[in-house]
Amino acid sequence: MWDGNDLRALFIRRKDAAAAGLTYTPQFSADMITWNNSNDTPTLLADDGTNQIVSVPYPAFAPGQNGSFFRINITLAP
């Protein structure tokens, strides 16, 4: 999502993720080889009682790098 000043990635997560043992980790990459975890706390944008839409800001990349790749790493606790 681009508002002219702030580039953010949006994703949907389960509202009960913690109780279900799910962890959502946003990751960014400039080359799709090296992935970096976001250290930002997701911002809640919407909640329908079951799912939530959240956003995290894109990180600043080194000059000449294009940080155009984003993914969510989802893990399930044993």
Protein backbone atom coordinates (compact mmCIF):
# COMPACT_ATOMS: atom_id res chain seq x y z
CA MET A 1 0.00 0.00 0.00
CA TRP A 2 1.43 3.40 -0.94
CA ASP A 3 0.05 6.66 0.43
CA GLY A 4 2.69 8.91 -1.15
CA ASN A 5 4.99 8.94 1.87
CA ASP A 6 4.79 5.59 3.57
CA LEU A 7 5.23 2.21 1.86
CA ARG A 8 3.59 -0.57 3.85
CA ALA A 9 2.89 -4.27 3.41
CA LEU A 10 -0.57 -5.53 4.39
CA PHE A 11 -1.51 -9.06 5.32
CA ILE A 12 -4.35 -11.01 6.95
CA ARG A 13 -3.84 -12.98 10.14
CA ARG A 14 -6.13 -14.98 12.38
CA LYS A 15 -7.37 -13.01 15.37
CA ASP A 16 -6.79 -16.06 17.60
CA ALA A 17 -3.25 -16.65 16.25
CA ALA A 18 -1.56 -16.62 19.66
CA ALA A 19 -4.09 -19.06 21.17
CA ALA A 20 -3.72 -21.30 18.10
CA GLY A 21 0.08 -21.25 18.45
CA LEU A 22 0.64 -19.34 15.20
CA THR A 23 3.38 -16.77 14.74
CA TYR A 24 3.38 -14.45 11.72
CA THR A 25 6.77 -12.98 10.80
CA PRO A 26 6.84 -10.41 7.98
CA GLN A 27 10.02 -10.69 5.90
CA PHE A 28 11.53 -8.43 3.23
CA SER A 29 14.12 -9.04 0.52
CA ALA A 30 15.89 -7.11 -2.21
CA ASP A 31 16.86 -10.28 -4.14
CA MET A 32 14.55 -13.13 -2.98
CA ILE A 33 17.63 -14.94 -1.64
CA THR A 34 18.31 -13.13 1.60
CA TRP A 35 15.23 -12.48 3.74
CA ASN A 36 15.17 -10.10 6.72
CA ASN A 37 12.57 -10.27 9.47
CA SER A 38 10.65 -7.11 10.23
CA ASN A 39 11.22 -5.78 13.75
CA ASP A 40 8.11 -3.59 13.58
CA THR A 41 4.95 -4.43 15.47
CA PRO A 42 2.11 -4.83 12.96
CA THR A 43 -0.49 -2.06 13.00
CA LEU A 44 -4.09 -3.28 13.20
CA LEU A 45 -6.19 -1.82 10.36
CA ALA A 46 -9.37 -3.92 10.49
CA ASP A 47 -10.91 -6.74 12.52
CA ASP A 48 -13.98 -8.78 11.54
CA GLY A 49 -13.95 -10.90 14.70
CA THR A 50 -12.20 -13.84 13.00
CA ASN A 51 -9.42 -12.26 10.92
CA GLN A 52 -7.42 -9.06 11.13
CA ILE A 53 -5.81 -6.93 8.46
CA VAL A 54 -2.49 -5.57 9.68
CA SER A 55 0.37 -3.62 8.13
CA VAL A 56 4.10 -3.23 8.61
CA PRO A 57 6.32 -0.57 7.04
CA TYR A 58 8.79 -1.51 4.34
CA PRO A 59 12.34 -1.13 5.68
CA ALA A 60 14.88 1.29 4.24
CA PHE A 61 17.23 -0.51 1.88
CA ALA A 62 20.78 0.43 0.97
CA PRO A 63 21.19 2.80 -1.99
CA GLY A 64 20.82 0.95 -5.27
CA GLN A 65 18.79 -1.88 -3.73
CA ASN A 66 15.15 -2.33 -4.57
CA GLY A 67 13.30 -3.81 -1.61
CA SER A 68 10.33 -4.98 -3.60
CA PHE A 69 9.77 -8.46 -2.17
CA PHE A 70 7.66 -9.31 0.85
CA ARG A 71 6.43 -12.54 2.40
CA ILE A 72 4.95 -13.85 5.65
CA ASN A 73 6.68 -16.70 7.44
CA ILE A 74 4.05 -18.55 9.50
CA THR A 75 5.11 -21.00 12.18
CA LEU A 76 3.06 -23.30 14.40
CA ALA A 77 4.19 -23.99 17.94
CA PRO A 78 4.47 -27.70 18.81
